[in-house]
Amino acid sequence: MASRILANLVVIGSGILGRAVFQTYRKAIQSRNGVAKEALKNIRRSSKTMNEQEARQILGVSEDSTWEDALKRYDNLFLKNAKNGSFYLQSKIHTAKECLQGIKTK
């Protein structure tokens, strides 16, 4: 009789614990997605404040450089900062690329 009660408690307790873990995991995923969306929103917002000269300076390209040269510099700098750099520098590099891309399409 006692073993049956103990078994029921274990089954009910594991069900409750499982649901709690699942809900916590789901909230963590939602939170992480929210942080990523906020970071992208900030990057997009800051791209409107960067001018062409600053963007070229960050990427290290001149006015005579082609779009392909700018993309190569972007890829190189972005990957270097992904490994050892900071998120701030990465966002500046990304913003510079977006700024020049906006100018290119005009």
Protein backbone atom coordinates (compact mmCIF):
# COMPACT_ATOMS: atom_id res chain seq x y z
CA MET A 1 0.00 0.00 0.00
CA ALA A 2 2.77 2.44 0.94
CA SER A 3 4.74 1.57 -2.20
CA ARG A 4 1.68 2.34 -4.35
CA ILE A 5 1.27 5.75 -2.70
CA LEU A 6 4.99 6.45 -3.12
CA ALA A 7 4.84 5.44 -6.80
CA ASN A 8 1.85 7.75 -7.38
CA LEU A 9 3.70 10.64 -5.71
CA VAL A 10 6.75 10.05 -7.90
CA VAL A 11 4.66 9.95 -11.09
CA ILE A 12 2.66 13.08 -10.17
CA GLY A 13 5.79 14.91 -9.02
CA SER A 14 7.69 14.09 -12.20
CA GLY A 15 4.75 15.33 -14.29
CA ILE A 16 4.67 18.61 -12.42
CA LEU A 17 8.45 18.98 -12.66
CA GLY A 18 8.38 18.17 -16.39
CA ARG A 19 5.76 20.84 -17.07
CA ALA A 20 7.71 23.40 -15.04
CA VAL A 21 10.93 22.66 -16.95
CA PHE A 22 9.09 22.91 -20.28
CA GLN A 23 7.51 26.24 -19.37
CA THR A 24 10.84 27.62 -18.17
CA TYR A 25 12.55 26.51 -21.38
CA ARG A 26 9.80 28.09 -23.49
CA LYS A 27 10.10 31.39 -21.62
CA ALA A 28 13.88 31.35 -22.02
CA ILE A 29 13.56 30.87 -25.78
CA GLN A 30 11.00 33.68 -26.02
CA SER A 31 13.25 35.95 -23.97
CA ARG A 32 16.28 35.21 -26.13
CA ASN A 33 14.29 35.91 -29.29
CA GLY A 34 13.12 39.17 -27.76
CA VAL A 35 16.69 40.23 -27.04
CA ALA A 36 17.75 39.36 -30.60
CA LYS A 37 14.84 41.31 -32.06
CA GLU A 38 15.66 44.31 -29.88
CA ALA A 39 19.31 44.20 -30.96
CA LEU A 40 18.31 44.10 -34.63
CA LYS A 41 15.92 46.99 -34.09
CA ASN A 42 18.73 49.02 -32.50
CA ILE A 43 21.06 48.22 -35.39
CA ARG A 44 18.45 49.33 -37.92
CA ARG A 45 17.74 52.49 -35.95
CA SER A 46 21.41 53.40 -35.72
CA SER A 47 21.94 52.84 -39.45
CA LYS A 48 19.87 55.95 -40.11
CA THR A 49 22.29 58.10 -38.16
CA MET A 50 25.51 56.96 -39.86
CA ASN A 51 26.67 58.94 -42.85
CA GLU A 52 28.50 57.61 -45.89
CA GLN A 53 31.90 58.95 -44.87
CA GLU A 54 31.75 57.25 -41.46
CA ALA A 55 30.58 53.99 -43.04
CA ARG A 56 33.48 54.03 -45.51
CA GLN A 57 35.90 54.81 -42.69
CA ILE A 58 34.67 51.88 -40.59
CA LEU A 59 34.92 49.42 -43.47
CA GLY A 60 38.18 50.93 -44.72
CA VAL A 61 37.05 51.53 -48.29
CA SER A 62 37.42 54.64 -50.41
CA GLU A 63 34.86 56.34 -52.60
CA ASP A 64 36.45 54.68 -55.62
CA SER A 65 36.01 51.18 -54.19
CA THR A 66 33.42 48.86 -55.67
CA TRP A 67 30.49 47.36 -53.79
CA GLU A 68 32.20 43.96 -53.96
CA ASP A 69 35.28 45.40 -52.23
CA ALA A 70 33.08 46.79 -49.48
CA LEU A 71 31.36 43.41 -49.05
CA LYS A 72 34.72 41.63 -48.81
CA ARG A 73 35.90 44.07 -46.13
CA TYR A 74 32.58 43.67 -44.31
CA ASP A 75 32.80 39.86 -44.31
CA ASN A 76 36.42 39.94 -43.12
CA LEU A 77 35.83 42.45 -40.31
CA PHE A 78 32.53 40.89 -39.21
CA LEU A 79 34.03 37.41 -38.92
CA LYS A 80 37.08 38.67 -37.03
CA ASN A 81 34.85 40.42 -34.51
CA ALA A 82 32.58 37.40 -34.22
CA LYS A 83 35.51 35.34 -32.95
CA ASN A 84 37.41 37.74 -30.71
CA GLY A 85 35.74 41.13 -30.86
CA SER A 86 32.80 42.86 -29.30
CA PHE A 87 29.14 43.00 -30.23
CA TYR A 88 29.38 46.79 -30.40
CA LEU A 89 32.06 46.67 -33.11
CA GLN A 90 30.13 44.02 -34.97
CA SER A 91 27.01 46.18 -34.95
CA LYS A 92 28.97 49.20 -36.20
CA ILE A 93 30.40 47.12 -39.06
CA HIS A 94 26.94 45.82 -39.92
CA THR A 95 25.49 49.33 -39.77
CA ALA A 96 28.23 50.62 -42.08
CA LYS A 97 27.39 47.92 -44.62
CA GLU A 98 23.68 48.75 -44.42
CA CYS A 99 24.42 52.44 -44.85
CA LEU A 100 26.51 51.86 -47.98
CA GLN A 101 23.97 49.37 -49.29
CA GLY A 102 21.25 52.02 -48.93
CA ILE A 103 23.38 54.51 -50.84
CA LYS A 104 24.13 51.93 -53.52
CA THR A 105 20.45 51.27 -54.19
CA LYS A 106 19.54 54.97 -54.47
